[in-house]
Amino acid sequence: MVRVTLQTVADAVGVSRMTVSNAFSRPSRLSAELRERILAVAEELGYAGPDPAARAFARGSTGVVGILVTSRLQDLFADEVSSAFLGGIADGLTGSGLSLTLLSTQEEVGGRVPARDVPMDATLVYTYRYDADSLRWLHRRGLPLVLLDQEPIPGIASVNIDDHGGAQQAAEHLLQLGHRRIGIVTIGLTEPFGVQDDPFAAPAADDVYIARQRIQGWMQACRDAGVSPTLVRQPKMPYQPESDGYAALNAMLDADPGITAVLCYSDRFAHGVLAAAHDRGMRVPEELSIVGFDDSPMAANLRPPLTTVSQDPIEKGQVAAALLIDAIRADPDHQLNGTHSDDNNQRLLPTRLIVRASTAGPRS
């Protein structure tokens, strides 16, 4: 079969190669009649259009933005909050001409490093932990960046939710109900699994940023009330929130059988805690109050419906996409070394407590 090229179409129509290229890539430069004639001939000859890689090389851009994560991609889609967040990004990029590629640092193939080797115009860095190596490569490439759920870095756009404030609200809710024997189920990368001896000890600097923020919020409220909670941390990756939450409740009740309420890192951890409470014959909330975090779709459907801290992952994705588009427009030639010159590019989105039937005052 004879290969059909740009020149083949140009010869058939009687125009230049550039005119044919414009019909596909820059239609505003041609009359509607001429463009339709060129596309009709291309269709008849079976020509698919200019090679995308060649067009990207000529433009100096790919039209692709990356989302870099440290989890496995299957875990990302298994989580309802993360899936909604990705949907928010896709919605925010609608009409921008940009497409998404998902990159996992857990799934490198043949020595290919996503942050170093994948062609893209900009990157959303959405990781459960600080990934210095990936950030270093992205910075060297001079790509515009937006950090998500990460420690803010001056000069680089970022989007976070108010994890500290939301956690503090959750703890204050339990304290106002009269609870004083409180357990906390959270994640971490540096502590062994089990009850932490000193719950007020500062988390390590390389720990998960959002976990640090939530721990500090919970502890702030407890410290102000003179309460010392029982803290259980789950360091394993990948996390298995439901089974980890189940194991965590059993571990904390072994340490303190008098616990009357539990604060959880996420609704999925709370689901596991709720299952463990049921299996132990504990009534919720009469004998044990449980608070989640995220207000995922499952929260209202649990029995009893879960008190939780609400965030809006779709809004977070849309805000991140808008910041990334702004960064690309401000830095079309990648001259900012991964930074954005606007100082007003670090966003903190609100959280709020949603009180449902999984919390009540402690049994007297």
Protein backbone atom coordinates (compact mmCIF):
# COMPACT_ATOMS: atom_id res chain seq x y z
CA MET A 1 0.00 0.00 0.00
CA VAL A 2 1.34 3.40 -1.00
CA ARG A 3 1.82 5.67 2.02
CA VAL A 4 -0.34 8.79 1.86
CA THR A 5 1.52 11.89 3.04
CA LEU A 6 0.91 15.59 3.45
CA GLN A 7 2.48 16.08 0.02
CA THR A 8 0.11 13.52 -1.53
CA VAL A 9 -2.91 15.54 -0.36
CA ALA A 10 -1.31 18.84 -1.41
CA ASP A 11 -0.69 17.50 -4.92
CA ALA A 12 -4.24 16.16 -5.20
CA VAL A 13 -5.80 19.47 -4.15
CA GLY A 14 -3.28 21.65 -5.95
CA VAL A 15 -2.11 23.61 -2.90
CA SER A 16 1.05 23.79 -0.81
CA ARG A 17 1.99 21.44 2.04
CA MET A 18 1.60 24.35 4.46
CA THR A 19 -1.97 24.95 3.30
CA VAL A 20 -2.85 21.31 3.96
CA SER A 21 -1.17 21.51 7.37
CA ASN A 22 -3.17 24.64 8.19
CA ALA A 23 -6.39 22.82 7.34
CA PHE A 24 -5.68 20.45 10.25
CA SER A 25 -3.79 22.66 12.68
CA ARG A 26 -4.74 26.30 12.00
CA PRO A 27 -8.15 26.28 10.29
CA SER A 28 -8.74 30.01 10.90
CA ARG A 29 -6.07 30.76 8.29
CA LEU A 30 -8.17 29.19 5.49
CA SER A 31 -11.56 29.86 4.04
CA ALA A 32 -14.23 27.38 5.11
CA GLU A 33 -14.66 26.23 1.49
CA LEU A 34 -10.95 25.49 0.99
CA ARG A 35 -10.60 23.70 4.31
CA GLU A 36 -13.62 21.50 3.59
CA ARG A 37 -12.21 20.61 0.17
CA ILE A 38 -8.83 19.68 1.63
CA LEU A 39 -10.38 17.56 4.39
CA ALA A 40 -12.63 15.82 1.88
CA VAL A 41 -9.65 14.88 -0.32
CA ALA A 42 -7.69 13.75 2.76
CA GLU A 43 -10.62 11.54 3.78
CA GLU A 44 -10.87 10.08 0.28
CA LEU A 45 -7.14 9.30 0.21
CA GLY A 46 -7.15 7.90 3.76
CA TYR A 47 -4.86 10.56 5.23
CA ALA A 48 -5.15 10.88 9.02
CA GLY A 49 -3.45 14.26 9.35
CA PRO A 50 0.02 15.52 10.32
CA ASP A 51 1.97 13.28 12.70
CA PRO A 52 1.20 14.41 16.29
CA ALA A 53 4.80 13.94 17.43
CA ALA A 54 6.09 16.06 14.55
CA ARG A 55 3.49 18.75 15.26
CA ALA A 56 4.48 18.80 18.93
CA PHE A 57 8.14 19.10 17.98
CA ALA A 58 7.39 21.99 15.63
CA ARG A 59 5.33 23.81 18.26
CA GLY A 60 7.75 23.10 21.09
CA SER A 61 4.89 21.79 23.22
CA THR A 62 2.96 18.55 23.61
CA GLY A 63 -0.48 19.77 24.65
CA VAL A 64 -0.23 17.28 27.52
CA VAL A 65 -0.13 17.87 31.27
CA GLY A 66 0.93 15.16 33.68
CA ILE A 67 -0.53 14.13 37.04
CA LEU A 68 2.29 12.58 39.05
CA VAL A 69 1.31 10.32 41.95
CA THR A 70 3.30 8.11 44.32
CA SER A 71 0.49 5.55 44.69
CA ARG A 72 -0.43 2.85 42.23
CA LEU A 73 -2.94 4.10 39.67
CA GLN A 74 -5.40 1.34 40.59
CA ASP A 75 -5.42 2.66 44.17
CA LEU A 76 -6.10 6.15 42.90
CA PHE A 77 -9.23 5.05 41.05
CA ALA A 78 -10.38 2.81 43.92
CA ASP A 79 -10.69 5.87 46.16
CA GLU A 80 -13.91 7.85 45.63
CA VAL A 81 -12.38 11.15 46.76
CA SER A 82 -9.35 10.83 44.47
CA SER A 83 -11.58 9.84 41.55
CA ALA A 84 -13.78 12.91 42.10
CA PHE A 85 -10.65 15.06 42.29
CA LEU A 86 -9.41 13.72 38.93
CA GLY A 87 -12.84 14.47 37.48
CA GLY A 88 -12.53 18.04 38.73
CA ILE A 89 -9.17 18.41 36.98
CA ALA A 90 -10.59 17.04 33.72
CA ASP A 91 -13.55 19.43 34.01
CA GLY A 92 -11.21 22.36 34.69
CA LEU A 93 -9.14 21.58 31.59
CA THR A 94 -12.18 21.41 29.29
CA GLY A 95 -11.77 23.83 26.42
CA SER A 96 -8.08 24.46 27.15
CA GLY A 97 -6.81 22.13 24.42
CA LEU A 98 -4.80 20.23 27.06
CA SER A 99 -5.04 16.52 27.71
CA LEU A 100 -4.05 14.52 30.80
CA THR A 101 -1.59 11.71 31.33
CA LEU A 102 -1.41 9.84 34.65
CA LEU A 103 2.06 8.97 35.91
CA SER A 104 2.90 6.76 38.88
CA THR A 105 6.32 6.67 40.51
CA GLN A 106 5.38 3.15 41.66
CA GLU A 107 5.15 1.84 38.11
CA GLU A 108 8.42 2.75 36.42
CA VAL A 109 9.25 0.50 33.47
CA GLY A 110 12.69 -0.21 32.03
CA GLY A 111 14.39 2.55 34.00
CA ARG A 112 11.98 5.17 32.64
CA VAL A 113 11.49 7.89 35.27
CA PRO A 114 8.12 9.63 34.75
CA ALA A 115 9.22 13.03 36.07
CA ARG A 116 12.33 12.95 33.90
CA ASP A 117 11.34 11.10 30.73
CA VAL A 118 7.67 11.69 29.88
CA PRO A 119 6.98 14.54 27.40
CA MET A 120 4.56 17.08 28.90
CA ASP A 121 4.06 20.83 29.16
CA ALA A 122 3.32 21.04 32.89
CA THR A 123 2.73 18.79 35.89
CA LEU A 124 0.27 18.43 38.75
CA VAL A 125 2.14 16.75 41.62
CA TYR A 126 -0.40 14.76 43.63
CA THR A 127 1.52 12.53 46.02
CA TYR A 128 0.86 11.00 49.42
CA ARG A 129 4.37 11.89 50.51
CA TYR A 130 7.06 14.38 49.59
CA ASP A 131 8.93 13.12 46.52
CA ALA A 132 12.15 15.11 46.37
CA ASP A 133 13.61 13.20 43.41
CA SER A 134 10.59 13.79 41.20
CA LEU A 135 10.37 17.46 42.14
CA ARG A 136 14.07 17.84 41.39
CA TRP A 137 13.65 16.41 37.89
CA LEU A 138 10.58 18.52 37.15
CA HIS A 139 12.37 21.64 38.37
CA ARG A 140 15.40 20.89 36.17
CA ARG A 141 13.10 20.54 33.18
CA GLY A 142 11.63 23.96 33.94
CA LEU A 143 8.05 22.70 33.83
CA PRO A 144 5.25 24.77 35.37
CA LEU A 145 4.04 22.92 38.48
CA VAL A 146 1.05 22.79 40.80
CA LEU A 147 1.50 20.93 44.10
CA LEU A 148 -1.53 19.17 45.56
CA ASP A 149 -1.84 18.10 49.21
CA GLN A 150 1.81 19.01 49.64
CA GLU A 151 3.87 21.30 51.83
CA PRO A 152 3.63 24.68 50.02
CA ILE A 153 6.89 25.84 48.42
CA PRO A 154 7.39 29.59 47.85
CA GLY A 155 6.96 30.53 44.20
CA ILE A 156 5.23 27.28 43.18
CA ALA A 157 1.47 27.06 42.82
CA SER A 158 -0.26 24.76 45.30
CA VAL A 159 -3.74 23.67 46.35
CA ASN A 160 -4.55 22.30 49.80
CA ILE A 161 -7.64 21.92 51.91
CA ASP A 162 -7.79 23.15 55.49
CA ASP A 163 -6.79 19.78 56.97
CA HIS A 164 -5.67 21.35 60.26
CA GLY A 165 -8.87 23.32 60.77
CA GLY A 166 -11.11 20.44 59.75
CA ALA A 167 -9.40 18.02 62.12
CA GLN A 168 -9.59 20.53 64.95
CA GLN A 169 -13.35 20.95 64.35
CA ALA A 170 -13.81 17.18 64.49
CA ALA A 171 -11.94 16.83 67.79
CA GLU A 172 -13.74 19.82 69.30
CA HIS A 173 -17.07 18.23 68.35
CA LEU A 174 -16.25 15.11 70.38
CA LEU A 175 -14.91 17.14 73.28
CA GLN A 176 -18.05 19.29 73.36
CA LEU A 177 -20.12 16.10 73.52
CA GLY A 178 -18.19 15.22 76.67
CA HIS A 179 -15.70 12.63 75.40
CA ARG A 180 -12.35 12.45 77.20
CA ARG A 181 -11.12 8.97 76.23
CA ILE A 182 -10.47 9.55 72.53
CA GLY A 183 -8.63 7.42 69.97
CA ILE A 184 -7.07 8.59 66.70
CA VAL A 185 -6.50 6.40 63.62
CA THR A 186 -4.16 7.95 61.07
CA ILE A 187 -1.40 7.17 58.57
CA GLY A 188 2.33 7.78 58.59
CA LEU A 189 5.56 6.59 57.02
CA THR A 190 7.99 6.64 59.92
CA GLU A 191 6.32 5.15 62.99
CA PRO A 192 5.78 1.39 63.50
CA PHE A 193 2.18 0.23 63.33
CA GLY A 194 0.45 0.34 66.68
CA VAL A 195 -0.19 2.68 69.56
CA GLN A 196 2.21 5.63 69.67
CA ASP A 197 3.67 6.16 73.13
CA ASP A 198 3.64 9.95 73.00
CA PRO A 199 0.69 11.19 70.93
CA PHE A 200 1.93 14.79 71.22
CA ALA A 201 5.34 14.02 69.69
CA ALA A 202 5.89 16.04 66.51
CA PRO A 203 5.60 13.94 63.33
CA ALA A 204 8.80 13.53 61.32
CA ALA A 205 9.48 16.13 58.65
CA ASP A 206 9.34 13.52 55.86
CA ASP A 207 5.93 12.26 56.94
CA VAL A 208 2.73 12.64 54.91
CA TYR A 209 1.89 16.36 54.85
CA ILE A 210 -1.89 16.04 55.15
CA ALA A 211 -1.48 13.51 57.97
CA ARG A 212 0.78 15.99 59.79
CA GLN A 213 -1.81 18.73 59.38
CA ARG A 214 -4.65 16.57 60.63
CA ILE A 215 -2.65 15.25 63.59
CA GLN A 216 -1.77 18.81 64.57
CA GLY A 217 -5.44 19.84 64.34
CA TRP A 218 -6.68 16.94 66.45
CA MET A 219 -3.89 17.43 68.99
CA GLN A 220 -4.46 21.17 69.23
CA ALA A 221 -8.05 20.61 70.34
CA CYS A 222 -7.10 17.79 72.72
CA ARG A 223 -4.22 19.75 74.22
CA ASP A 224 -6.45 22.76 74.83
CA ALA A 225 -8.94 20.48 76.63
CA GLY A 226 -6.26 18.71 78.68
CA VAL A 227 -6.97 15.39 76.98
CA SER A 228 -4.28 12.88 75.96
CA PRO A 229 -5.64 10.70 73.12
CA THR A 230 -4.55 7.22 72.09
CA LEU A 231 -2.92 7.50 68.66
CA VAL A 232 -2.56 4.55 66.27
CA ARG A 233 -0.61 5.02 63.04
CA GLN A 234 -0.55 2.89 59.93
CA PRO A 235 2.72 3.28 57.97
CA LYS A 236 2.30 0.69 55.21
CA MET A 237 2.09 1.56 51.53
CA PRO A 238 -0.18 0.90 49.80
CA TYR A 239 -2.76 1.64 52.46
CA GLN A 240 -5.69 -0.71 52.96
CA PRO A 241 -7.93 1.70 54.85
CA GLU A 242 -10.83 -0.57 55.75
CA SER A 243 -8.69 -3.44 57.08
CA ASP A 244 -6.19 -1.01 58.62
CA GLY A 245 -9.00 0.82 60.42
CA TYR A 246 -10.35 -2.51 61.65
CA ALA A 247 -6.94 -3.49 63.09
CA ALA A 248 -6.38 -0.04 64.56
CA LEU A 249 -9.55 -0.07 66.67
CA ASN A 250 -8.62 -3.44 68.12
CA ALA A 251 -5.09 -2.20 68.90
CA MET A 252 -6.29 0.97 70.65
CA LEU A 253 -8.98 -0.81 72.68
CA ASP A 254 -6.36 -3.32 73.83
CA ALA A 255 -4.32 -0.31 75.03
CA ASP A 256 -7.31 1.55 76.53
CA PRO A 257 -10.61 -0.37 76.78
CA GLY A 258 -12.28 2.80 78.06
CA ILE A 259 -12.09 4.69 74.75
CA THR A 260 -15.49 6.20 73.88
CA ALA A 261 -14.76 7.99 70.58
CA VAL A 262 -12.45 7.66 67.57
CA LEU A 263 -11.20 10.25 65.07
CA CYS A 264 -10.21 8.79 61.69
CA TYR A 265 -7.86 9.96 58.94
CA SER A 266 -10.51 9.22 56.30
CA ASP A 267 -14.02 7.87 55.85
CA ARG A 268 -12.53 4.61 54.58
CA PHE A 269 -10.56 4.17 57.81
CA ALA A 270 -13.76 5.04 59.70
CA HIS A 271 -15.56 2.31 57.78
CA GLY A 272 -13.03 -0.22 59.08
CA VAL A 273 -13.35 1.13 62.63
CA LEU A 274 -17.14 0.85 62.40
CA ALA A 275 -16.91 -2.77 61.21
CA ALA A 276 -14.55 -3.65 64.08
CA ALA A 277 -16.88 -2.00 66.59
CA HIS A 278 -19.82 -4.03 65.27
CA ASP A 279 -17.81 -7.26 65.46
CA ARG A 280 -16.89 -6.48 69.06
CA GLY A 281 -20.55 -5.99 69.90
CA MET A 282 -20.15 -2.22 70.49
CA ARG A 283 -23.11 -0.02 69.61
CA VAL A 284 -22.38 3.13 67.60
CA PRO A 285 -22.79 5.85 68.81
CA GLU A 286 -24.13 4.66 72.19
CA GLU A 287 -20.85 3.00 73.19
CA LEU A 288 -18.45 4.40 70.59
CA SER A 289 -18.62 7.61 68.56
CA ILE A 290 -16.77 7.67 65.22
CA VAL A 291 -15.75 10.64 63.05
CA GLY A 292 -14.34 10.35 59.53
CA PHE A 293 -12.73 12.81 57.14
CA ASP A 294 -13.57 13.69 53.49
CA ASP A 295 -17.37 13.24 53.36
CA SER A 296 -16.99 10.69 50.57
CA PRO A 297 -20.18 9.23 49.02
CA MET A 298 -19.97 6.24 51.36
CA ALA A 299 -20.17 8.39 54.51
CA ALA A 300 -23.92 9.07 54.37
CA ASN A 301 -24.64 5.45 53.42
CA LEU A 302 -22.93 3.76 56.36
CA ARG A 303 -25.04 2.52 59.23
CA PRO A 304 -25.18 4.68 61.19
CA PRO A 305 -24.45 7.55 58.77
CA LEU A 306 -20.98 8.92 59.47
CA THR A 307 -20.14 12.24 61.10
CA THR A 308 -17.22 13.53 59.03
CA VAL A 309 -15.24 16.52 57.83
CA SER A 310 -16.31 17.59 54.35
CA GLN A 311 -14.00 18.70 51.57
CA ASP A 312 -14.90 19.37 47.93
CA PRO A 313 -12.51 17.30 45.76
CA ILE A 314 -14.15 18.45 42.52
CA GLU A 315 -13.54 22.09 43.39
CA LYS A 316 -9.97 21.23 44.38
CA GLY A 317 -9.40 19.66 40.96
CA GLN A 318 -10.94 22.62 39.15
CA VAL A 319 -8.82 25.13 41.10
CA ALA A 320 -5.68 23.07 40.40
CA ALA A 321 -6.47 22.98 36.67
CA ALA A 322 -7.03 26.75 36.58
CA LEU A 323 -3.70 27.39 38.33
CA LEU A 324 -1.91 25.07 35.91
CA ILE A 325 -3.41 26.81 32.88
CA ASP A 326 -2.35 30.17 34.33
CA ALA A 327 1.17 28.84 34.93
CA ILE A 328 1.47 27.56 31.35
CA ARG A 329 0.25 30.87 29.92
CA ALA A 330 2.65 32.81 32.13
CA ASP A 331 5.53 30.53 31.14
CA PRO A 332 4.97 29.36 27.54
CA ASP A 333 8.67 28.71 26.94
CA HIS A 334 9.40 27.08 30.35
CA GLN A 335 11.67 29.92 31.50
CA LEU A 336 10.57 30.02 35.14
CA ASN A 337 12.38 26.85 36.28
CA GLY A 338 9.19 25.27 37.53
CA THR A 339 7.98 28.35 39.38
CA HIS A 340 5.14 30.77 38.88
CA SER A 341 5.87 34.44 39.42
CA ASP A 342 2.44 35.22 40.94
CA ASP A 343 2.64 35.30 44.75
CA ASN A 344 -1.11 34.69 45.05
CA ASN A 345 -0.98 31.13 43.71
CA GLN A 346 -1.18 29.06 46.92
CA ARG A 347 -4.78 28.18 47.66
CA LEU A 348 -6.24 26.82 50.90
CA LEU A 349 -9.78 25.53 50.43
CA PRO A 350 -12.26 25.32 53.32
CA THR A 351 -13.51 22.25 55.17
CA ARG A 352 -16.56 21.89 57.40
CA LEU A 353 -17.88 19.40 59.90
CA ILE A 354 -20.95 17.37 58.87
CA VAL A 355 -22.67 15.94 61.95
CA ARG A 356 -24.59 12.70 61.41
CA ALA A 357 -25.69 9.79 63.58
CA SER A 358 -22.29 8.18 64.35
CA THR A 359 -21.54 10.59 67.21
CA ALA A 360 -23.25 11.21 70.54
CA GLY A 361 -22.27 11.95 74.13
CA PRO A 362 -20.41 9.21 76.04
CA ARG A 363 -22.45 6.72 78.01
CA SER A 364 -22.47 7.76 81.67
